[in-house]
All heavy atoms as atom14 arrays in JSON, in Angstrom:
{
  "sequence": "GDLPTFAALAERGTVARLGNSMEKLPGGIWPEVMTGRSLGRVPLYYH",
  "atom14_mask": [
    [1, 1, 1, 1, 0, 0, 0, 0, 0, 0, 0, 0, 0, 0],
    [1, 1, 1, 1, 1, 1, 1, 1, 0, 0, 0, 0, 0, 0],
    [1, 1, 1, 1, 1, 1, 1, 1, 0, 0, 0, 0, 0, 0],
    [1, 1, 1, 1, 1, 1, 1, 0, 0, 0, 0, 0, 0, 0],
    [1, 1, 1, 1, 1, 1, 1, 0, 0, 0, 0, 0, 0, 0],
    [1, 1, 1, 1, 1, 1, 1, 1, 1, 1, 1, 0, 0, 0],
    [1, 1, 1, 1, 1, 0, 0, 0, 0, 0, 0, 0, 0, 0],
    [1, 1, 1, 1, 1, 0, 0, 0, 0, 0, 0, 0, 0, 0],
    [1, 1, 1, 1, 1, 1, 1, 1, 0, 0, 0, 0, 0, 0],
    [1, 1, 1, 1, 1, 0, 0, 0, 0, 0, 0, 0, 0, 0],
    [1, 1, 1, 1, 1, 1, 1, 1, 1, 0, 0, 0, 0, 0],
    [1, 1, 1, 1, 1, 1, 1, 1, 1, 1, 1, 0, 0, 0],
    [1, 1, 1, 1, 0, 0, 0, 0, 0, 0, 0, 0, 0, 0],
    [1, 1, 1, 1, 1, 1, 1, 0, 0, 0, 0, 0, 0, 0],
    [1, 1, 1, 1, 1, 1, 1, 0, 0, 0, 0, 0, 0, 0],
    [1, 1, 1, 1, 1, 0, 0, 0, 0, 0, 0, 0, 0, 0],
    [1, 1, 1, 1, 1, 1, 1, 1, 1, 1, 1, 0, 0, 0],
    [1, 1, 1, 1, 1, 1, 1, 1, 0, 0, 0, 0, 0, 0],
    [1, 1, 1, 1, 0, 0, 0, 0, 0, 0, 0, 0, 0, 0],
    [1, 1, 1, 1, 1, 1, 1, 1, 0, 0, 0, 0, 0, 0],
    [1, 1, 1, 1, 1, 1, 0, 0, 0, 0, 0, 0, 0, 0],
    [1, 1, 1, 1, 1, 1, 1, 1, 0, 0, 0, 0, 0, 0],
    [1, 1, 1, 1, 1, 1, 1, 1, 1, 0, 0, 0, 0, 0],
    [1, 1, 1, 1, 1, 1, 1, 1, 1, 0, 0, 0, 0, 0],
    [1, 1, 1, 1, 1, 1, 1, 1, 0, 0, 0, 0, 0, 0],
    [1, 1, 1, 1, 1, 1, 1, 0, 0, 0, 0, 0, 0, 0],
    [1, 1, 1, 1, 0, 0, 0, 0, 0, 0, 0, 0, 0, 0],
    [1, 1, 1, 1, 0, 0, 0, 0, 0, 0, 0, 0, 0, 0],
    [1, 1, 1, 1, 1, 1, 1, 1, 0, 0, 0, 0, 0, 0],
    [1, 1, 1, 1, 1, 1, 1, 1, 1, 1, 1, 1, 1, 1],
    [1, 1, 1, 1, 1, 1, 1, 0, 0, 0, 0, 0, 0, 0],
    [1, 1, 1, 1, 1, 1, 1, 1, 1, 0, 0, 0, 0, 0],
    [1, 1, 1, 1, 1, 1, 1, 0, 0, 0, 0, 0, 0, 0],
    [1, 1, 1, 1, 1, 1, 1, 1, 0, 0, 0, 0, 0, 0],
    [1, 1, 1, 1, 1, 1, 1, 0, 0, 0, 0, 0, 0, 0],
    [1, 1, 1, 1, 0, 0, 0, 0, 0, 0, 0, 0, 0, 0],
    [1, 1, 1, 1, 1, 1, 1, 1, 1, 1, 1, 0, 0, 0],
    [1, 1, 1, 1, 1, 1, 0, 0, 0, 0, 0, 0, 0, 0],
    [1, 1, 1, 1, 1, 1, 1, 1, 0, 0, 0, 0, 0, 0],
    [1, 1, 1, 1, 0, 0, 0, 0, 0, 0, 0, 0, 0, 0],
    [1, 1, 1, 1, 1, 1, 1, 1, 1, 1, 1, 0, 0, 0],
    [1, 1, 1, 1, 1, 1, 1, 0, 0, 0, 0, 0, 0, 0],
    [1, 1, 1, 1, 1, 1, 1, 0, 0, 0, 0, 0, 0, 0],
    [1, 1, 1, 1, 1, 1, 1, 1, 0, 0, 0, 0, 0, 0],
    [1, 1, 1, 1, 1, 1, 1, 1, 1, 1, 1, 1, 0, 0],
    [1, 1, 1, 1, 1, 1, 1, 1, 1, 1, 1, 1, 0, 0],
    [1, 1, 1, 1, 1, 1, 1, 1, 1, 1, 0, 0, 0, 0]
  ],
  "atom14_positions": [
    [[-0.5, 12.67, -28.05], [-1.66, 13.09, -28.79], [-2.94, 12.41, -28.38], [-3.99, 12.6, -29.01], [0.0, 0.0, 0.0], [0.0, 0.0, 0.0], [0.0, 0.0, 0.0], [0.0, 0.0, 0.0], [0.0, 0.0, 0.0], [0.0, 0.0, 0.0], [0.0, 0.0, 0.0], [0.0, 0.0, 0.0], [0.0, 0.0, 0.0], [0.0, 0.0, 0.0]],
    [[-2.88, 11.59, -27.32], [-4.08, 10.87, -26.86], [-4.97, 11.75, -26.0], [-6.16, 11.42, -25.82], [-3.66, 9.62, -26.1], [-2.93, 8.62, -26.95], [-3.22, 8.58, -28.15], [-2.03, 7.91, -26.42], [0.0, 0.0, 0.0], [0.0, 0.0, 0.0], [0.0, 0.0, 0.0], [0.0, 0.0, 0.0], [0.0, 0.0, 0.0], [0.0, 0.0, 0.0]],
    [[-4.42, 12.8, -25.39], [-5.17, 13.68, -24.49], [-5.02, 15.12, -25.03], [-4.22, 15.92, -24.53], [-4.64, 13.57, -23.08], [-4.69, 12.17, -22.43], [-4.03, 12.2, -21.04], [-6.12, 11.65, -22.35], [0.0, 0.0, 0.0], [0.0, 0.0, 0.0], [0.0, 0.0, 0.0], [0.0, 0.0, 0.0], [0.0, 0.0, 0.0], [0.0, 0.0, 0.0]],
    [[-5.79, 15.46, -26.05], [-5.6, 16.77, -26.7], [-5.88, 17.97, -25.79], [-5.26, 19.02, -25.93], [-6.55, 16.74, -27.88], [-7.55, 15.65, -27.55], [-6.8, 14.63, -26.74], [0.0, 0.0, 0.0], [0.0, 0.0, 0.0], [0.0, 0.0, 0.0], [0.0, 0.0, 0.0], [0.0, 0.0, 0.0], [0.0, 0.0, 0.0], [0.0, 0.0, 0.0]],
    [[-6.81, 17.79, -24.84], [-7.12, 18.94, -23.95], [-5.92, 19.23, -23.07], [-5.53, 20.39, -22.91], [-8.35, 18.62, -23.09], [-9.47, 18.38, -23.93], [-8.66, 19.77, -22.16], [0.0, 0.0, 0.0], [0.0, 0.0, 0.0], [0.0, 0.0, 0.0], [0.0, 0.0, 0.0], [0.0, 0.0, 0.0], [0.0, 0.0, 0.0], [0.0, 0.0, 0.0]],
    [[-5.28, 18.2, -22.52], [-4.11, 18.43, -21.69], [-2.93, 18.92, -22.5], [-2.12, 19.73, -22.0], [-3.76, 17.15, -20.91], [-4.56, 17.0, -19.63], [-5.74, 16.29, -19.66], [-4.15, 17.58, -18.44], [-6.51, 16.18, -18.51], [-4.89, 17.48, -17.3], [-6.09, 16.77, -17.33], [0.0, 0.0, 0.0], [0.0, 0.0, 0.0], [0.0, 0.0, 0.0]],
    [[-2.82, 18.49, -23.74], [-1.76, 19.02, -24.62], [-1.98, 20.51, -24.83], [-1.01, 21.3, -24.78], [-1.78, 18.26, -25.95], [0.0, 0.0, 0.0], [0.0, 0.0, 0.0], [0.0, 0.0, 0.0], [0.0, 0.0, 0.0], [0.0, 0.0, 0.0], [0.0, 0.0, 0.0], [0.0, 0.0, 0.0], [0.0, 0.0, 0.0], [0.0, 0.0, 0.0]],
    [[-3.23, 20.9, -25.06], [-3.51, 22.3, -25.27], [-3.29, 23.13, -24.0], [-2.81, 24.26, -24.05], [-4.95, 22.48, -25.75], [0.0, 0.0, 0.0], [0.0, 0.0, 0.0], [0.0, 0.0, 0.0], [0.0, 0.0, 0.0], [0.0, 0.0, 0.0], [0.0, 0.0, 0.0], [0.0, 0.0, 0.0], [0.0, 0.0, 0.0], [0.0, 0.0, 0.0]],
    [[-3.63, 22.56, -22.84], [-3.4, 23.27, -21.57], [-1.92, 23.57, -21.37], [-1.53, 24.66, -20.96], [-3.92, 22.42, -20.42], [-5.45, 22.32, -20.26], [-5.8, 21.24, -19.25], [-6.04, 23.65, -19.83], [0.0, 0.0, 0.0], [0.0, 0.0, 0.0], [0.0, 0.0, 0.0], [0.0, 0.0, 0.0], [0.0, 0.0, 0.0], [0.0, 0.0, 0.0]],
    [[-1.04, 22.58, -21.66], [0.38, 22.78, -21.5], [0.92, 23.78, -22.47], [1.84, 24.57, -22.17], [1.1, 21.43, -21.64], [0.0, 0.0, 0.0], [0.0, 0.0, 0.0], [0.0, 0.0, 0.0], [0.0, 0.0, 0.0], [0.0, 0.0, 0.0], [0.0, 0.0, 0.0], [0.0, 0.0, 0.0], [0.0, 0.0, 0.0], [0.0, 0.0, 0.0]],
    [[0.38, 23.79, -23.71], [0.85, 24.71, -24.74], [0.38, 26.14, -24.51], [1.13, 27.12, -24.67], [0.38, 24.23, -26.11], [0.82, 25.1, -27.26], [0.3, 24.6, -28.61], [-0.27, 23.51, -28.64], [0.5, 25.32, -29.62], [0.0, 0.0, 0.0], [0.0, 0.0, 0.0], [0.0, 0.0, 0.0], [0.0, 0.0, 0.0], [0.0, 0.0, 0.0]],
    [[-0.88, 26.27, -24.07], [-1.49, 27.6, -23.94], [-1.3, 28.23, -22.55], [-1.54, 29.43, -22.37], [-2.98, 27.52, -24.22], [-3.35, 27.17, -25.66], [-4.83, 26.83, -25.78], [-5.63, 27.76, -24.99], [-6.78, 27.44, -24.43], [-7.25, 26.19, -24.53], [-7.48, 28.33, -23.75], [0.0, 0.0, 0.0], [0.0, 0.0, 0.0], [0.0, 0.0, 0.0]],
    [[-0.91, 27.43, -21.57], [-0.84, 27.92, -20.21], [0.39, 27.54, -19.45], [1.44, 27.24, -20.01], [0.0, 0.0, 0.0], [0.0, 0.0, 0.0], [0.0, 0.0, 0.0], [0.0, 0.0, 0.0], [0.0, 0.0, 0.0], [0.0, 0.0, 0.0], [0.0, 0.0, 0.0], [0.0, 0.0, 0.0], [0.0, 0.0, 0.0], [0.0, 0.0, 0.0]],
    [[0.26, 27.49, -18.14], [1.35, 27.21, -17.22], [1.09, 25.9, -16.52], [-0.03, 25.61, -16.1], [1.49, 28.33, -16.2], [1.88, 29.55, -16.87], [2.52, 28.02, -15.13], [0.0, 0.0, 0.0], [0.0, 0.0, 0.0], [0.0, 0.0, 0.0], [0.0, 0.0, 0.0], [0.0, 0.0, 0.0], [0.0, 0.0, 0.0], [0.0, 0.0, 0.0]],
    [[2.14, 25.09, -16.34], [2.06, 23.85, -15.59], [2.93, 23.95, -14.34], [4.09, 24.37, -14.43], [2.52, 22.65, -16.45], [2.37, 21.34, -15.66], [1.75, 22.58, -17.75], [0.0, 0.0, 0.0], [0.0, 0.0, 0.0], [0.0, 0.0, 0.0], [0.0, 0.0, 0.0], [0.0, 0.0, 0.0], [0.0, 0.0, 0.0], [0.0, 0.0, 0.0]],
    [[2.39, 23.61, -13.18], [3.11, 23.68, -11.94], [3.22, 22.29, -11.33], [2.24, 21.57, -11.2], [2.39, 24.63, -10.95], [0.0, 0.0, 0.0], [0.0, 0.0, 0.0], [0.0, 0.0, 0.0], [0.0, 0.0, 0.0], [0.0, 0.0, 0.0], [0.0, 0.0, 0.0], [0.0, 0.0, 0.0], [0.0, 0.0, 0.0], [0.0, 0.0, 0.0]],
    [[4.42, 21.92, -10.98], [4.67, 20.68, -10.24], [4.51, 21.03, -8.75], [5.17, 21.96, -8.24], [6.04, 20.16, -10.52], [6.32, 18.76, -9.93], [7.78, 18.37, -10.15], [8.01, 17.0, -9.75], [8.05, 15.99, -10.59], [7.87, 16.17, -11.88], [8.26, 14.75, -10.16], [0.0, 0.0, 0.0], [0.0, 0.0, 0.0], [0.0, 0.0, 0.0]],
    [[3.67, 20.28, -8.04], [3.32, 20.64, -6.66], [3.84, 19.6, -5.68], [3.69, 18.41, -5.84], [1.79, 20.72, -6.54], [1.07, 21.69, -7.49], [-0.43, 21.61, -7.28], [1.58, 23.1, -7.33], [0.0, 0.0, 0.0], [0.0, 0.0, 0.0], [0.0, 0.0, 0.0], [0.0, 0.0, 0.0], [0.0, 0.0, 0.0], [0.0, 0.0, 0.0]],
    [[4.45, 20.14, -4.6], [4.77, 19.29, -3.47], [3.49, 18.98, -2.68], [2.45, 19.6, -2.85], [0.0, 0.0, 0.0], [0.0, 0.0, 0.0], [0.0, 0.0, 0.0], [0.0, 0.0, 0.0], [0.0, 0.0, 0.0], [0.0, 0.0, 0.0], [0.0, 0.0, 0.0], [0.0, 0.0, 0.0], [0.0, 0.0, 0.0], [0.0, 0.0, 0.0]],
    [[3.59, 18.03, -1.75], [2.42, 17.61, -0.99], [2.84, 16.85, 0.25], [4.02, 16.72, 0.55], [1.52, 16.72, -1.89], [2.27, 15.58, -2.53], [3.04, 14.89, -1.87], [2.07, 15.37, -3.82], [0.0, 0.0, 0.0], [0.0, 0.0, 0.0], [0.0, 0.0, 0.0], [0.0, 0.0, 0.0], [0.0, 0.0, 0.0], [0.0, 0.0, 0.0]],
    [[1.85, 16.33, 0.96], [2.09, 15.56, 2.19], [1.92, 14.06, 1.96], [1.63, 13.32, 2.89], [1.15, 16.03, 3.3], [1.45, 17.33, 3.71], [0.0, 0.0, 0.0], [0.0, 0.0, 0.0], [0.0, 0.0, 0.0], [0.0, 0.0, 0.0], [0.0, 0.0, 0.0], [0.0, 0.0, 0.0], [0.0, 0.0, 0.0], [0.0, 0.0, 0.0]],
    [[2.12, 13.61, 0.73], [1.85, 12.19, 0.4], [2.81, 11.23, 1.07], [2.56, 10.04, 1.12], [1.87, 12.01, -1.11], [0.71, 12.65, -1.85], [-0.89, 12.0, -1.3], [-0.78, 10.31, -1.81], [0.0, 0.0, 0.0], [0.0, 0.0, 0.0], [0.0, 0.0, 0.0], [0.0, 0.0, 0.0], [0.0, 0.0, 0.0], [0.0, 0.0, 0.0]],
    [[3.95, 11.71, 1.57], [4.86, 10.84, 2.31], [4.82, 11.15, 3.81], [5.72, 10.74, 4.54], [6.28, 10.97, 1.75], [6.41, 10.37, 0.35], [7.82, 10.26, -0.12], [8.65, 11.11, 0.28], [8.15, 9.32, -0.89], [0.0, 0.0, 0.0], [0.0, 0.0, 0.0], [0.0, 0.0, 0.0], [0.0, 0.0, 0.0], [0.0, 0.0, 0.0]],
    [[3.77, 11.86, 4.21], [3.58, 12.15, 5.63], [2.18, 11.75, 6.06], [1.97, 10.8, 6.8], [3.87, 13.63, 5.9], [5.32, 14.01, 5.67], [5.58, 15.5, 5.91], [5.11, 16.35, 4.75], [5.56, 17.75, 4.85], [0.0, 0.0, 0.0], [0.0, 0.0, 0.0], [0.0, 0.0, 0.0], [0.0, 0.0, 0.0], [0.0, 0.0, 0.0]],
    [[1.16, 12.51, 5.57], [-0.26, 12.23, 5.88], [-1.03, 12.23, 4.57], [-1.77, 13.17, 4.25], [-0.8, 13.29, 6.84], [-0.15, 13.33, 8.23], [-0.68, 14.52, 9.02], [-0.43, 12.02, 9.01], [0.0, 0.0, 0.0], [0.0, 0.0, 0.0], [0.0, 0.0, 0.0], [0.0, 0.0, 0.0], [0.0, 0.0, 0.0], [0.0, 0.0, 0.0]],
    [[-0.89, 11.16, 3.8], [-1.46, 11.17, 2.42], [-2.97, 11.23, 2.36], [-3.53, 11.75, 1.39], [-0.96, 9.84, 1.84], [-0.61, 8.97, 3.01], [-0.15, 9.92, 4.06], [0.0, 0.0, 0.0], [0.0, 0.0, 0.0], [0.0, 0.0, 0.0], [0.0, 0.0, 0.0], [0.0, 0.0, 0.0], [0.0, 0.0, 0.0], [0.0, 0.0, 0.0]],
    [[-3.65, 10.76, 3.38], [-5.12, 10.76, 3.37], [-5.74, 12.14, 3.46], [-6.95, 12.3, 3.22], [0.0, 0.0, 0.0], [0.0, 0.0, 0.0], [0.0, 0.0, 0.0], [0.0, 0.0, 0.0], [0.0, 0.0, 0.0], [0.0, 0.0, 0.0], [0.0, 0.0, 0.0], [0.0, 0.0, 0.0], [0.0, 0.0, 0.0], [0.0, 0.0, 0.0]],
    [[-4.92, 13.16, 3.75], [-5.43, 14.5, 3.86], [-5.12, 15.39, 2.67], [-5.18, 16.6, 2.78], [0.0, 0.0, 0.0], [0.0, 0.0, 0.0], [0.0, 0.0, 0.0], [0.0, 0.0, 0.0], [0.0, 0.0, 0.0], [0.0, 0.0, 0.0], [0.0, 0.0, 0.0], [0.0, 0.0, 0.0], [0.0, 0.0, 0.0], [0.0, 0.0, 0.0]],
    [[-4.82, 14.77, 1.52], [-4.42, 15.56, 0.36], [-5.5, 16.53, -0.07], [-5.21, 17.71, -0.35], [-4.03, 14.61, -0.82], [-3.55, 15.41, -2.03], [-5.18, 13.7, -1.2], [-2.19, 16.02, -1.88], [0.0, 0.0, 0.0], [0.0, 0.0, 0.0], [0.0, 0.0, 0.0], [0.0, 0.0, 0.0], [0.0, 0.0, 0.0], [0.0, 0.0, 0.0]],
    [[-6.77, 16.11, -0.1], [-7.81, 17.01, -0.61], [-8.11, 18.18, 0.36], [-8.29, 19.31, -0.1], [-9.07, 16.24, -0.92], [-9.03, 15.66, -2.31], [-8.91, 14.35, -2.67], [-9.01, 16.4, -3.56], [-8.86, 14.22, -4.04], [-8.9, 15.46, -4.59], [-9.06, 17.76, -3.86], [-8.87, 15.84, -5.96], [-9.05, 18.14, -5.19], [-8.95, 17.19, -6.24]],
    [[-8.16, 17.96, 1.68], [-8.32, 19.13, 2.54], [-7.2, 20.15, 2.35], [-7.45, 21.38, 2.41], [-8.3, 18.53, 3.96], [-8.89, 17.17, 3.77], [-8.34, 16.69, 2.43], [0.0, 0.0, 0.0], [0.0, 0.0, 0.0], [0.0, 0.0, 0.0], [0.0, 0.0, 0.0], [0.0, 0.0, 0.0], [0.0, 0.0, 0.0], [0.0, 0.0, 0.0]],
    [[-5.98, 19.71, 2.11], [-4.9, 20.65, 1.87], [-5.12, 21.41, 0.55], [-4.91, 22.6, 0.47], [-3.54, 19.97, 1.89], [-3.07, 19.57, 3.28], [-1.57, 19.48, 3.4], [-0.91, 19.11, 2.4], [-1.05, 19.77, 4.48], [0.0, 0.0, 0.0], [0.0, 0.0, 0.0], [0.0, 0.0, 0.0], [0.0, 0.0, 0.0], [0.0, 0.0, 0.0]],
    [[-5.51, 20.66, -0.5], [-5.75, 21.3, -1.78], [-6.84, 22.37, -1.69], [-6.7, 23.48, -2.18], [-6.14, 20.24, -2.85], [-6.64, 20.9, -4.14], [-4.96, 19.31, -3.17], [0.0, 0.0, 0.0], [0.0, 0.0, 0.0], [0.0, 0.0, 0.0], [0.0, 0.0, 0.0], [0.0, 0.0, 0.0], [0.0, 0.0, 0.0], [0.0, 0.0, 0.0]],
    [[-7.92, 22.02, -1.01], [-9.14, 22.84, -1.05], [-9.24, 23.89, 0.05], [-10.08, 24.74, 0.02], [-10.38, 21.94, -0.98], [-10.51, 21.02, -2.17], [-10.64, 21.87, -3.75], [-11.43, 20.61, -4.77], [0.0, 0.0, 0.0], [0.0, 0.0, 0.0], [0.0, 0.0, 0.0], [0.0, 0.0, 0.0], [0.0, 0.0, 0.0], [0.0, 0.0, 0.0]],
    [[-8.31, 23.83, 1.01], [-8.35, 24.85, 2.06], [-7.11, 25.71, 2.1], [-7.14, 26.83, 2.64], [-8.52, 24.22, 3.47], [-7.32, 23.54, 3.86], [-9.71, 23.26, 3.5], [0.0, 0.0, 0.0], [0.0, 0.0, 0.0], [0.0, 0.0, 0.0], [0.0, 0.0, 0.0], [0.0, 0.0, 0.0], [0.0, 0.0, 0.0], [0.0, 0.0, 0.0]],
    [[-5.96, 25.2, 1.61], [-4.72, 25.93, 1.71], [-4.14, 25.94, 3.1], [-3.22, 26.71, 3.41], [0.0, 0.0, 0.0], [0.0, 0.0, 0.0], [0.0, 0.0, 0.0], [0.0, 0.0, 0.0], [0.0, 0.0, 0.0], [0.0, 0.0, 0.0], [0.0, 0.0, 0.0], [0.0, 0.0, 0.0], [0.0, 0.0, 0.0], [0.0, 0.0, 0.0]],
    [[-4.63, 25.04, 3.96], [-4.19, 24.96, 5.36], [-3.49, 23.63, 5.59], [-4.0, 22.57, 5.26], [-5.37, 25.16, 6.32], [-5.93, 26.57, 6.26], [-7.29, 26.68, 6.92], [-7.76, 28.06, 7.02], [-8.4, 28.7, 6.05], [-8.66, 28.09, 4.91], [-8.8, 29.96, 6.22], [0.0, 0.0, 0.0], [0.0, 0.0, 0.0], [0.0, 0.0, 0.0]],
    [[-2.36, 23.67, 6.27], [-1.52, 22.49, 6.47], [-2.2, 21.51, 7.41], [-2.86, 21.88, 8.4], [-0.17, 22.92, 7.07], [0.55, 21.79, 7.55], [0.0, 0.0, 0.0], [0.0, 0.0, 0.0], [0.0, 0.0, 0.0], [0.0, 0.0, 0.0], [0.0, 0.0, 0.0], [0.0, 0.0, 0.0], [0.0, 0.0, 0.0], [0.0, 0.0, 0.0]],
    [[-1.96, 20.2, 7.14], [-2.42, 19.15, 8.02], [-1.76, 19.19, 9.38], [-2.25, 18.6, 10.33], [-2.18, 17.77, 7.38], [-2.97, 17.5, 6.09], [-2.45, 16.21, 5.45], [-4.45, 17.38, 6.38], [0.0, 0.0, 0.0], [0.0, 0.0, 0.0], [0.0, 0.0, 0.0], [0.0, 0.0, 0.0], [0.0, 0.0, 0.0], [0.0, 0.0, 0.0]],
    [[-0.67, 19.89, 9.48], [-0.04, 20.06, 10.78], [-0.84, 20.93, 11.69], [-0.73, 20.82, 12.94], [0.0, 0.0, 0.0], [0.0, 0.0, 0.0], [0.0, 0.0, 0.0], [0.0, 0.0, 0.0], [0.0, 0.0, 0.0], [0.0, 0.0, 0.0], [0.0, 0.0, 0.0], [0.0, 0.0, 0.0], [0.0, 0.0, 0.0], [0.0, 0.0, 0.0]],
    [[-1.68, 21.79, 11.14], [-2.53, 22.69, 11.94], [-3.99, 22.22, 11.99], [-4.65, 22.37, 13.0], [-2.49, 24.12, 11.38], [-1.15, 24.8, 11.52], [-1.28, 26.29, 11.31], [-1.81, 26.64, 9.99], [-3.01, 27.16, 9.79], [-3.83, 27.37, 10.79], [-3.42, 27.47, 8.57], [0.0, 0.0, 0.0], [0.0, 0.0, 0.0], [0.0, 0.0, 0.0]],
    [[-4.47, 21.7, 10.86], [-5.86, 21.21, 10.79], [-5.78, 19.74, 10.36], [-5.88, 19.42, 9.18], [-6.66, 22.05, 9.77], [-8.14, 21.67, 9.85], [-6.51, 23.54, 10.03], [0.0, 0.0, 0.0], [0.0, 0.0, 0.0], [0.0, 0.0, 0.0], [0.0, 0.0, 0.0], [0.0, 0.0, 0.0], [0.0, 0.0, 0.0], [0.0, 0.0, 0.0]],
    [[-5.55, 18.83, 11.3], [-5.15, 17.46, 10.95], [-6.34, 16.55, 10.54], [-6.75, 15.66, 11.28], [-4.5, 16.95, 12.27], [-5.25, 17.71, 13.33], [-5.55, 19.06, 12.74], [0.0, 0.0, 0.0], [0.0, 0.0, 0.0], [0.0, 0.0, 0.0], [0.0, 0.0, 0.0], [0.0, 0.0, 0.0], [0.0, 0.0, 0.0], [0.0, 0.0, 0.0]],
    [[-6.84, 16.79, 9.34], [-7.9, 15.96, 8.77], [-7.24, 14.9, 7.9], [-7.38, 14.89, 6.67], [-8.87, 16.79, 7.97], [-9.48, 17.99, 8.7], [-10.28, 18.85, 7.74], [-10.37, 17.53, 9.84], [0.0, 0.0, 0.0], [0.0, 0.0, 0.0], [0.0, 0.0, 0.0], [0.0, 0.0, 0.0], [0.0, 0.0, 0.0], [0.0, 0.0, 0.0]],
    [[-6.49, 13.97, 8.53], [-5.59, 13.13, 7.76], [-6.12, 11.74, 7.44], [-5.58, 11.06, 6.56], [-4.23, 13.01, 8.45], [-4.23, 12.25, 9.77], [-4.1, 10.87, 9.78], [-4.36, 12.91, 10.98], [-4.11, 10.16, 10.97], [-4.36, 12.22, 12.17], [-4.25, 10.86, 12.15], [-4.26, 10.15, 13.33], [0.0, 0.0, 0.0], [0.0, 0.0, 0.0]],
    [[-7.16, 11.28, 8.11], [-7.69, 9.97, 7.79], [-9.17, 9.94, 8.18], [-9.54, 9.54, 9.28], [-6.92, 8.85, 8.51], [-7.17, 7.49, 7.88], [-6.57, 7.19, 6.65], [-8.03, 6.56, 8.44], [-6.8, 5.96, 6.03], [-8.26, 5.33, 7.84], [-7.63, 5.05, 6.63], [-7.88, 3.83, 6.03], [0.0, 0.0, 0.0], [0.0, 0.0, 0.0]],
    [[-10.03, 10.39, 7.24], [-11.43, 10.58, 7.53], [-12.18, 9.29, 7.99], [-13.04, 9.4, 8.83], [-12.12, 11.17, 6.3], [-11.84, 12.62, 6.08], [-10.59, 13.09, 5.78], [-12.63, 13.73, 6.2], [-10.6, 14.39, 5.66], [-11.85, 14.83, 5.91], [0.0, 0.0, 0.0], [0.0, 0.0, 0.0], [0.0, 0.0, 0.0], [0.0, 0.0, 0.0]]
  ]
}
């Protein structure tokens, strides 16, 4: 009950658990989130 907005999001909507490259190229997490393109093809892994 400490985060009512997130409680409402889970109740009113859908929650997805997402895989990532955090055990491969963790520094490129945001380019993958925001482009939908794998670090294996667009290797922006350590700015």
